[in-house]
Amino acid sequence: MKRTFVVLLILFSLSTGSSFAIDAAGSAFGTLTGASAVGQGKGSFGFGVGVADATSFVGSFTFGLSEYTDGRIKLGLVDQDGADTKFTIGADFKWQYWSYGPNTNHPFDMAVGGFFEYADYDFLSVVQIGGHLIGSYPIHLKNGGTLAPYARINARLEALSLDRPAGFTGDDSESNLELGFNGGVQWIMTSTVTFYGEFQLDGNDGVFMGVDFNVM
């Protein structure tokens, strides 16, 4: 089952990366989370950088809404193709409905959720609303800590609005259904520090790295 899941994710990334990534705006935040929830009442600050078609620097705060549900707000700076640096905002949530462990027969952790992102580039603003599916598999290390390879598939509606100069006419907006894929590794080094490294194929193709600090 686990091997089948990994093979399907690889085939999905190879088949979709070239078909839709050119036209999609894509996320400036990446995924930077596994499928496991942080826990009710717990919170963490996160920081990340994206080295992709658009370079980004992001910060986030995640809060556990229940034992298996958490929400996250995100703020960032994004620079696309040497244009002026712009602010971008986002939010997401996930509900962990599978938990891997000795007392379950689930093959890995799995979560489903939704997200929202907004970015205002030069002459173009982008709104993204969609849902995502996240899977991860925790591997406990002998010397402490946990490695958890993870992957996310998302489907979203991207609404693009073009700011046309005065005097120009024509359609200045467009909405498209897009797909995206992220794959990476979560390293839970201690109970308070977690690192992430991943690649993204969704229109803003590249590599994302991040760190979370548990503060609650």
Protein backbone atom coordinates (compact mmCIF):
# COMPACT_ATOMS: atom_id res chain seq x y z
CA MET A 1 0.00 0.00 0.00
CA LYS A 2 2.77 2.44 0.91
CA ARG A 3 4.71 1.59 -2.24
CA THR A 4 1.60 2.08 -4.35
CA PHE A 5 1.03 5.49 -2.77
CA VAL A 6 4.59 6.62 -3.51
CA VAL A 7 4.46 5.34 -7.11
CA LEU A 8 1.18 7.16 -7.75
CA LEU A 9 2.61 10.42 -6.39
CA ILE A 10 5.69 10.15 -8.61
CA LEU A 11 3.60 9.39 -11.71
CA PHE A 12 1.31 12.29 -10.89
CA SER A 13 4.22 14.73 -10.59
CA LEU A 14 5.80 13.58 -13.84
CA SER A 15 2.57 13.67 -15.81
CA THR A 16 1.28 17.01 -14.54
CA GLY A 17 4.45 19.03 -14.11
CA SER A 18 4.80 19.74 -17.84
CA SER A 19 1.09 20.01 -18.69
CA PHE A 20 -0.14 22.86 -16.50
CA ALA A 21 2.83 24.42 -14.70
CA ILE A 22 3.47 26.99 -17.48
CA ASP A 23 0.10 28.76 -17.19
CA ALA A 24 -0.51 28.48 -13.44
CA ALA A 25 0.56 31.22 -11.03
CA GLY A 26 1.27 28.73 -8.25
CA SER A 27 1.83 29.11 -4.53
CA ALA A 28 4.39 31.48 -3.05
CA PHE A 29 4.32 29.54 0.24
CA GLY A 30 4.88 25.90 -0.65
CA THR A 31 3.47 23.28 1.71
CA LEU A 32 5.94 23.15 4.63
CA THR A 33 3.79 20.83 6.72
CA GLY A 34 3.18 17.13 7.09
CA ALA A 35 -0.15 15.40 7.53
CA SER A 36 0.00 15.18 11.33
CA ALA A 37 -1.84 17.88 13.30
CA VAL A 38 -0.04 19.93 15.95
CA GLY A 39 -2.55 19.05 18.70
CA GLN A 40 -5.35 20.97 20.39
CA GLY A 41 -4.29 24.31 21.85
CA LYS A 42 -0.73 24.04 20.58
CA GLY A 43 0.86 26.70 18.40
CA SER A 44 4.00 27.23 16.34
CA PHE A 45 5.69 30.01 14.38
CA GLY A 46 7.17 29.09 11.02
CA PHE A 47 9.63 30.72 8.65
CA GLY A 48 10.47 29.70 5.10
CA VAL A 49 12.10 30.66 1.82
CA GLY A 50 11.18 29.65 -1.70
CA VAL A 51 13.79 29.50 -4.46
CA ALA A 52 11.43 29.10 -7.38
CA ASP A 53 10.14 30.98 -10.43
CA ALA A 54 9.19 33.63 -7.88
CA THR A 55 11.53 34.07 -4.90
CA SER A 56 9.65 34.31 -1.60
CA PHE A 57 10.20 34.80 2.12
CA VAL A 58 7.32 33.73 4.35
CA GLY A 59 6.21 33.56 7.95
CA SER A 60 3.32 31.63 9.47
CA PHE A 61 1.50 30.81 12.68
CA THR A 62 -0.19 27.42 13.17
CA PHE A 63 -2.73 26.74 15.92
CA GLY A 64 -4.34 23.45 16.91
CA LEU A 65 -8.12 23.85 16.70
CA SER A 66 -8.71 20.30 17.95
CA GLU A 67 -6.72 17.11 18.43
CA TYR A 68 -6.74 16.36 14.71
CA THR A 69 -7.43 19.79 13.12
CA ASP A 70 -5.18 22.82 12.82
CA GLY A 71 -5.29 26.15 11.02
CA ARG A 72 -2.49 28.35 9.73
CA ILE A 73 -2.17 31.98 8.66
CA LYS A 74 0.70 33.01 6.34
CA LEU A 75 2.34 36.27 5.30
CA GLY A 76 5.11 36.66 2.77
CA LEU A 77 7.20 38.78 0.43
CA VAL A 78 7.43 37.60 -3.17
CA ASP A 79 9.61 38.79 -6.06
CA GLN A 80 8.65 37.48 -9.49
CA ASP A 81 11.09 37.83 -12.41
CA GLY A 82 12.84 40.86 -10.99
CA ALA A 83 9.63 42.87 -10.52
CA ASP A 84 8.92 44.93 -7.42
CA THR A 85 8.71 42.92 -4.21
CA LYS A 86 5.10 42.44 -3.16
CA PHE A 87 3.19 41.20 -0.12
CA THR A 88 1.24 37.96 -0.26
CA ILE A 89 -1.13 36.49 2.30
CA GLY A 90 -2.68 33.08 2.80
CA ALA A 91 -4.43 30.72 5.17
CA ASP A 92 -5.04 26.98 5.28
CA PHE A 93 -6.37 24.22 7.49
CA LYS A 94 -6.18 20.45 7.60
CA TRP A 95 -8.04 17.62 9.28
CA GLN A 96 -5.99 14.50 9.98
CA TYR A 97 -8.27 11.53 9.40
CA TRP A 98 -5.60 8.80 9.32
CA SER A 99 -2.98 8.33 12.06
CA TYR A 100 -0.12 5.88 11.61
CA GLY A 101 0.83 3.94 14.72
CA PRO A 102 0.96 0.55 16.46
CA ASN A 103 -2.69 0.79 17.49
CA THR A 104 -4.07 1.46 13.99
CA ASN A 105 -4.03 -0.29 10.63
CA HIS A 106 -3.50 2.93 8.66
CA PRO A 107 -0.41 2.74 6.39
CA PHE A 108 0.54 6.42 6.90
CA ASP A 109 -0.77 9.75 8.20
CA MET A 110 -3.31 11.40 5.92
CA ALA A 111 -5.06 14.78 6.09
CA VAL A 112 -7.51 16.74 3.97
CA GLY A 113 -8.16 20.47 4.05
CA GLY A 114 -8.48 23.74 2.19
CA PHE A 115 -6.49 26.90 1.53
CA PHE A 116 -6.62 30.51 0.33
CA GLU A 117 -3.86 32.71 -1.11
CA TYR A 118 -3.69 36.25 -2.48
CA ALA A 119 -0.78 37.94 -4.23
CA ASP A 120 -0.58 41.33 -5.97
CA TYR A 121 2.17 41.39 -8.60
CA ASP A 122 2.98 44.22 -11.01
CA PHE A 123 -0.13 44.67 -13.20
CA LEU A 124 -1.58 41.38 -11.97
CA SER A 125 -3.35 40.10 -8.85
CA VAL A 126 -4.01 36.43 -8.13
CA VAL A 127 -6.55 34.82 -5.81
CA GLN A 128 -6.35 31.07 -5.19
CA ILE A 129 -8.99 28.99 -3.39
CA GLY A 130 -8.79 25.22 -3.24
CA GLY A 131 -8.48 21.96 -1.39
CA HIS A 132 -5.54 19.68 -0.68
CA LEU A 133 -4.69 16.15 0.34
CA ILE A 134 -1.53 15.59 2.41
CA GLY A 135 0.13 12.27 3.20
CA SER A 136 3.21 11.60 5.34
CA TYR A 137 4.98 8.60 6.87
CA PRO A 138 6.86 9.07 10.20
CA ILE A 139 10.18 7.26 10.63
CA HIS A 140 11.47 7.40 14.21
CA LEU A 141 15.25 7.68 14.43
CA LYS A 142 17.34 5.71 16.91
CA ASN A 143 19.15 8.80 18.14
CA GLY A 144 15.90 10.71 18.63
CA GLY A 145 13.76 12.81 16.35
CA THR A 146 11.57 11.79 13.44
CA LEU A 147 11.89 11.94 9.65
CA ALA A 148 8.58 12.13 7.79
CA PRO A 149 8.56 12.12 3.97
CA TYR A 150 5.39 13.90 2.83
CA ALA A 151 3.49 14.83 -0.30
CA ARG A 152 0.60 17.15 -1.11
CA ILE A 153 -1.77 17.20 -4.07
CA ASN A 154 -3.97 20.27 -4.46
CA ALA A 155 -6.77 21.39 -6.77
CA ARG A 156 -7.60 25.08 -6.83
CA LEU A 157 -9.39 27.87 -8.65
CA GLU A 158 -6.98 30.61 -9.71
CA ALA A 159 -8.59 33.97 -10.45
CA LEU A 160 -6.23 36.36 -12.24
CA SER A 161 -7.03 40.06 -12.62
CA LEU A 162 -4.92 42.19 -14.97
CA ASP A 163 -4.43 45.87 -14.20
CA ARG A 164 -4.55 47.38 -17.70
CA PRO A 165 -3.10 50.86 -18.38
CA ALA A 166 -5.59 53.64 -19.06
CA GLY A 167 -6.97 53.55 -22.57
CA PHE A 168 -6.58 49.80 -23.09
CA THR A 169 -9.66 47.66 -23.55
CA GLY A 170 -10.36 43.94 -23.48
CA ASP A 171 -10.90 41.15 -21.00
CA ASP A 172 -8.91 41.88 -17.84
CA SER A 173 -9.71 38.79 -15.80
CA GLU A 174 -9.46 35.02 -16.09
CA SER A 175 -10.28 32.05 -13.87
CA ASN A 176 -8.72 28.60 -14.27
CA LEU A 177 -8.83 25.28 -12.46
CA GLU A 178 -5.26 24.25 -11.64
CA LEU A 179 -3.50 21.32 -9.96
CA GLY A 180 -0.29 21.22 -7.96
CA PHE A 181 2.11 18.77 -6.35
CA ASN A 182 4.63 19.11 -3.51
CA GLY A 183 6.97 16.48 -2.15
CA GLY A 184 9.46 16.78 0.67
CA VAL A 185 10.78 15.68 4.04
CA GLN A 186 9.86 16.89 7.52
CA TRP A 187 12.56 16.51 10.18
CA ILE A 188 11.20 16.79 13.71
CA MET A 189 14.54 17.37 15.39
CA THR A 190 13.19 18.06 18.88
CA SER A 191 9.80 18.66 20.49
CA THR A 192 10.19 22.37 19.71
CA VAL A 193 12.07 22.55 16.38
CA THR A 194 11.05 21.08 13.01
CA PHE A 195 12.76 21.54 9.63
CA TYR A 196 11.31 21.14 6.13
CA GLY A 197 12.72 20.74 2.64
CA GLU A 198 10.55 20.19 -0.46
CA PHE A 199 10.11 20.69 -4.18
CA GLN A 200 7.02 22.16 -5.81
CA LEU A 201 5.41 21.65 -9.22
CA ASP A 202 2.40 23.94 -9.64
CA GLY A 203 3.35 26.90 -11.83
CA ASN A 204 5.76 28.43 -9.33
CA ASP A 205 8.20 25.54 -9.66
CA GLY A 206 11.16 25.31 -7.33
CA VAL A 207 12.49 24.39 -3.91
CA PHE A 208 11.16 25.49 -0.51
CA MET A 209 12.85 25.25 2.89
CA GLY A 210 11.47 26.12 6.30
CA VAL A 211 11.58 25.74 10.06
CA ASP A 212 8.85 25.68 12.74
CA PHE A 213 9.25 26.61 16.40
CA ASN A 214 6.64 25.31 18.86
CA VAL A 215 5.74 28.11 21.25
CA MET A 216 2.58 26.78 22.93
